[in-house]
Amino acid sequence: MRKGQQGLTLPELLIALLIFAMISGASVYALRLTVEGRSQLEESDKAIRDMQIARLVLKQDLAQVAPRVVRDEFGFAYPAAFLGGDGLSFRKPVDGEQALMAFVRRGWANPDDKAPRSTLQAVEYLLIGDRLVRRVRPYLDDARGQPRSDRTLIAGVSSVSVGFYAGEVGGRLNWAELWPAPGGEGPPDAVRLLLTTERFGELEQLFWVNG
């Protein structure tokens, strides 16, 4: 060591190491917050995207409702073309499933008529566990053993209820819990869906039917 130069004393070295440790700890913490924030942002973005897609699918289905009555696995015709809520209580219940709506929609693509089926499609909406599910089948009538295809639209649903527009009572909208409602013919003019989800809490969604 040259004259006039002195090394760090032990206390100075310890203080320098402490400062370095504090800066490093703060940097690591900031980096972790950035990573966690990005992960939370991605989760929120996915949840919003799933909700928007679910709303679009529901809107498209309900805008194309067809007056086609389907038959069950025994060949008996359903009570109406559009069934909802308690109007589906005649069906045998399935553990873990809550039927919300069942109807037939138009506009199922069948390019060049290659598939041996109609361009109409039987659609059901159900709550299965904590998932809002769209269920379809290849053929309209519910033949025994016919395969189903389930698509989860929204996950993390704690409760759901569906209402069907049944006119006005005392200047207020009247939402029936079943369809066909007493005196109701054809499909309802509108459907209301009330959801409680983990991400968004309580939500109310309104859809025109054939509108």
Protein backbone atom coordinates (compact mmCIF):
# COMPACT_ATOMS: atom_id res chain seq x y z
CA MET A 1 0.00 0.00 0.00
CA ARG A 2 1.32 3.33 -1.03
CA LYS A 3 1.85 6.15 1.39
CA GLY A 4 -1.28 8.15 2.06
CA GLN A 5 -3.64 5.29 1.22
CA GLN A 6 -5.49 3.44 3.92
CA GLY A 7 -7.74 0.33 3.71
CA LEU A 8 -11.27 0.15 5.03
CA THR A 9 -11.58 -0.50 8.67
CA LEU A 10 -13.76 -3.39 9.82
CA PRO A 11 -16.69 -1.16 10.90
CA GLU A 12 -16.59 0.64 7.53
CA LEU A 13 -16.57 -2.68 5.69
CA LEU A 14 -19.52 -3.94 7.70
CA ILE A 15 -21.46 -0.73 7.01
CA ALA A 16 -20.72 -1.04 3.26
CA LEU A 17 -21.90 -4.66 3.24
CA LEU A 18 -25.06 -3.64 5.13
CA ILE A 19 -25.85 -0.92 2.60
CA PHE A 20 -25.22 -3.34 -0.29
CA ALA A 21 -27.50 -5.94 1.32
CA MET A 22 -30.26 -3.37 1.80
CA ILE A 23 -30.05 -2.22 -1.84
CA SER A 24 -30.00 -5.82 -3.08
CA GLY A 25 -32.98 -6.75 -0.90
CA ALA A 26 -34.97 -3.76 -2.15
CA SER A 27 -34.14 -4.64 -5.76
CA VAL A 28 -35.21 -8.26 -5.31
CA TYR A 29 -38.45 -7.17 -3.61
CA ALA A 30 -39.22 -4.71 -6.43
CA LEU A 31 -38.54 -7.42 -9.01
CA ARG A 32 -40.84 -9.84 -7.18
CA LEU A 33 -43.61 -7.23 -7.05
CA THR A 34 -43.20 -6.69 -10.79
CA VAL A 35 -43.48 -10.43 -11.53
CA GLU A 36 -46.47 -10.86 -9.21
CA GLY A 37 -48.17 -7.80 -10.66
CA ARG A 38 -47.72 -9.13 -14.18
CA SER A 39 -49.13 -12.51 -13.15
CA GLN A 40 -52.14 -10.86 -11.51
CA LEU A 41 -52.66 -8.69 -14.58
CA GLU A 42 -52.62 -11.77 -16.82
CA GLU A 43 -55.15 -13.53 -14.57
CA SER A 44 -57.44 -10.48 -14.58
CA ASP A 45 -57.12 -10.14 -18.35
CA LYS A 46 -58.03 -13.80 -18.83
CA ALA A 47 -61.04 -13.49 -16.51
CA ILE A 48 -62.32 -10.42 -18.37
CA ARG A 49 -61.73 -12.10 -21.72
CA ASP A 50 -63.60 -15.24 -20.60
CA MET A 51 -66.51 -13.12 -19.41
CA GLN A 52 -66.67 -11.23 -22.70
CA ILE A 53 -66.55 -14.48 -24.71
CA ALA A 54 -69.28 -16.03 -22.53
CA ARG A 55 -71.51 -13.00 -23.06
CA LEU A 56 -70.90 -13.10 -26.83
CA VAL A 57 -71.72 -16.83 -27.03
CA LEU A 58 -74.93 -16.35 -25.03
CA LYS A 59 -75.91 -13.34 -27.12
CA GLN A 60 -75.39 -15.24 -30.39
CA ASP A 61 -77.27 -18.33 -29.20
CA LEU A 62 -80.28 -16.42 -27.91
CA ALA A 63 -80.42 -14.23 -31.02
CA GLN A 64 -80.93 -17.35 -33.17
CA VAL A 65 -83.57 -19.30 -31.20
CA ALA A 66 -85.66 -21.55 -33.46
CA PRO A 67 -89.23 -22.82 -32.74
CA ARG A 68 -88.20 -26.48 -32.93
CA VAL A 69 -89.49 -28.87 -30.24
CA VAL A 70 -87.08 -31.73 -29.52
CA ARG A 71 -87.77 -35.23 -28.21
CA ASP A 72 -86.23 -37.02 -25.25
CA GLU A 73 -84.46 -40.39 -25.31
CA PHE A 74 -87.82 -42.18 -25.18
CA GLY A 75 -89.26 -40.29 -28.13
CA PHE A 76 -91.56 -38.01 -26.13
CA ALA A 77 -91.75 -34.37 -27.19
CA TYR A 78 -90.58 -31.70 -24.76
CA PRO A 79 -93.34 -29.39 -23.46
CA ALA A 80 -92.06 -26.43 -25.51
CA ALA A 81 -89.32 -25.37 -27.88
CA PHE A 82 -87.72 -23.07 -25.29
CA LEU A 83 -87.42 -24.30 -21.71
CA GLY A 84 -85.81 -22.54 -18.79
CA GLY A 85 -85.43 -22.58 -15.01
CA ASP A 86 -88.10 -24.61 -13.27
CA GLY A 87 -89.56 -25.37 -16.70
CA LEU A 88 -86.87 -28.08 -16.93
CA SER A 89 -87.83 -29.71 -13.62
CA PHE A 90 -89.60 -32.57 -15.45
CA ARG A 91 -86.22 -34.00 -16.48
CA LYS A 92 -84.43 -36.51 -14.31
CA PRO A 93 -82.01 -34.54 -12.09
CA VAL A 94 -78.28 -35.16 -12.37
CA ASP A 95 -76.09 -34.80 -9.28
CA GLY A 96 -73.97 -31.68 -9.43
CA GLU A 97 -75.86 -30.16 -12.37
CA GLN A 98 -78.38 -27.31 -12.44
CA ALA A 99 -80.17 -26.92 -15.77
CA LEU A 100 -80.71 -23.26 -16.72
CA MET A 101 -81.98 -23.24 -20.32
CA ALA A 102 -82.56 -25.60 -23.22
CA PHE A 103 -83.50 -24.58 -26.76
CA VAL A 104 -82.68 -24.99 -30.44
CA ARG A 105 -80.76 -22.35 -32.37
CA ARG A 106 -80.28 -21.64 -36.07
CA GLY A 107 -77.05 -21.06 -37.91
CA TRP A 108 -74.94 -24.13 -37.15
CA ALA A 109 -72.42 -24.24 -39.98
CA ASN A 110 -72.41 -27.46 -42.05
CA PRO A 111 -70.24 -26.71 -45.11
CA ASP A 112 -71.40 -28.61 -48.22
CA ASP A 113 -73.74 -30.62 -45.98
CA LYS A 114 -70.87 -33.00 -45.25
CA ALA A 115 -72.08 -33.87 -41.74
CA PRO A 116 -75.27 -35.99 -41.55
CA ARG A 117 -77.12 -33.41 -39.46
CA SER A 118 -79.25 -30.29 -39.55
CA THR A 119 -78.01 -26.71 -39.55
CA LEU A 120 -80.05 -26.35 -36.34
CA GLN A 121 -78.34 -27.08 -33.03
CA ALA A 122 -79.68 -28.16 -29.64
CA VAL A 123 -78.12 -26.04 -26.90
CA GLU A 124 -78.28 -26.26 -23.13
CA TYR A 125 -76.84 -24.04 -20.42
CA LEU A 126 -76.04 -25.57 -17.05
CA LEU A 127 -74.25 -24.87 -13.80
CA ILE A 128 -71.95 -27.82 -13.15
CA GLY A 129 -70.10 -27.46 -9.86
CA ASP A 130 -68.70 -23.94 -10.05
CA ARG A 131 -68.73 -23.73 -13.87
CA LEU A 132 -71.20 -22.16 -16.28
CA VAL A 133 -71.30 -24.71 -19.10
CA ARG A 134 -72.66 -24.69 -22.67
CA ARG A 135 -73.66 -28.19 -23.78
CA VAL A 136 -74.45 -29.27 -27.33
CA ARG A 137 -75.08 -32.58 -29.08
CA PRO A 138 -74.75 -33.66 -32.73
CA TYR A 139 -78.46 -34.23 -33.33
CA LEU A 140 -81.52 -32.31 -32.19
CA ASP A 141 -83.52 -35.11 -30.59
CA ASP A 142 -81.96 -36.46 -27.42
CA ALA A 143 -81.42 -40.05 -28.51
CA ARG A 144 -80.08 -42.45 -25.90
CA GLY A 145 -76.30 -42.69 -25.89
CA GLN A 146 -75.83 -39.58 -28.02
CA PRO A 147 -72.51 -37.88 -27.14
CA ARG A 148 -72.44 -34.46 -25.54
CA SER A 149 -69.88 -31.71 -25.86
CA ASP A 150 -69.42 -29.42 -22.85
CA ARG A 151 -67.67 -26.06 -22.97
CA THR A 152 -66.87 -24.14 -19.80
CA LEU A 153 -67.68 -20.46 -20.32
CA ILE A 154 -67.07 -19.11 -16.82
CA ALA A 155 -65.31 -20.81 -13.90
CA GLY A 156 -65.49 -19.84 -10.23
CA VAL A 157 -69.28 -19.36 -10.19
CA SER A 158 -70.75 -19.70 -6.70
CA SER A 159 -74.40 -19.12 -7.64
CA VAL A 160 -76.52 -18.45 -10.71
CA SER A 161 -80.18 -17.78 -11.38
CA VAL A 162 -82.01 -17.18 -14.62
CA GLY A 163 -85.12 -15.10 -15.29
CA PHE A 164 -87.37 -14.80 -18.33
CA TYR A 165 -89.15 -11.62 -19.33
CA ALA A 166 -92.89 -12.04 -18.79
CA GLY A 167 -94.17 -8.51 -19.38
CA GLU A 168 -94.64 -5.64 -16.95
CA VAL A 169 -96.48 -5.55 -13.66
CA GLY A 170 -97.21 -2.18 -12.07
CA GLY A 171 -94.77 -0.46 -14.41
CA ARG A 172 -91.93 -2.83 -13.47
CA LEU A 173 -90.34 -5.64 -15.45
CA ASN A 174 -91.61 -9.06 -14.45
CA TRP A 175 -89.01 -11.84 -14.58
CA ALA A 176 -90.40 -15.39 -14.36
CA GLU A 177 -88.32 -18.16 -12.81
CA LEU A 178 -89.53 -20.73 -15.33
CA TRP A 179 -90.34 -20.89 -19.00
CA PRO A 180 -92.86 -21.38 -20.45
CA ALA A 181 -94.40 -19.07 -17.86
CA PRO A 182 -98.17 -19.20 -17.29
CA GLY A 183 -99.73 -17.64 -20.36
CA GLY A 184 -96.41 -17.47 -22.19
CA GLU A 185 -96.13 -18.73 -25.76
CA GLY A 186 -93.01 -19.21 -27.82
CA PRO A 187 -89.65 -18.09 -26.46
CA PRO A 188 -89.39 -15.18 -24.00
CA ASP A 189 -88.50 -11.76 -25.36
CA ALA A 190 -85.48 -11.48 -23.05
CA VAL A 191 -83.40 -13.48 -20.59
CA ARG A 192 -81.73 -12.23 -17.41
CA LEU A 193 -78.76 -14.04 -15.93
CA LEU A 194 -77.63 -13.28 -12.37
CA LEU A 195 -74.16 -14.57 -11.52
CA THR A 196 -71.96 -14.48 -8.44
CA THR A 197 -68.32 -15.12 -9.27
CA GLU A 198 -65.06 -15.14 -7.33
CA ARG A 199 -63.48 -12.53 -9.58
CA PHE A 200 -66.32 -10.07 -10.27
CA GLY A 201 -68.80 -10.63 -7.45
CA GLU A 202 -72.46 -10.20 -8.43
CA LEU A 203 -73.20 -9.64 -12.11
CA GLU A 204 -76.43 -9.07 -14.02
CA GLN A 205 -76.51 -9.87 -17.73
CA LEU A 206 -79.50 -9.16 -20.02
CA PHE A 207 -80.03 -10.70 -23.45
CA TRP A 208 -82.63 -10.19 -26.15
CA VAL A 209 -84.11 -13.34 -27.65
CA ASN A 210 -84.30 -13.34 -31.46
CA GLY A 211 -83.51 -9.66 -31.30
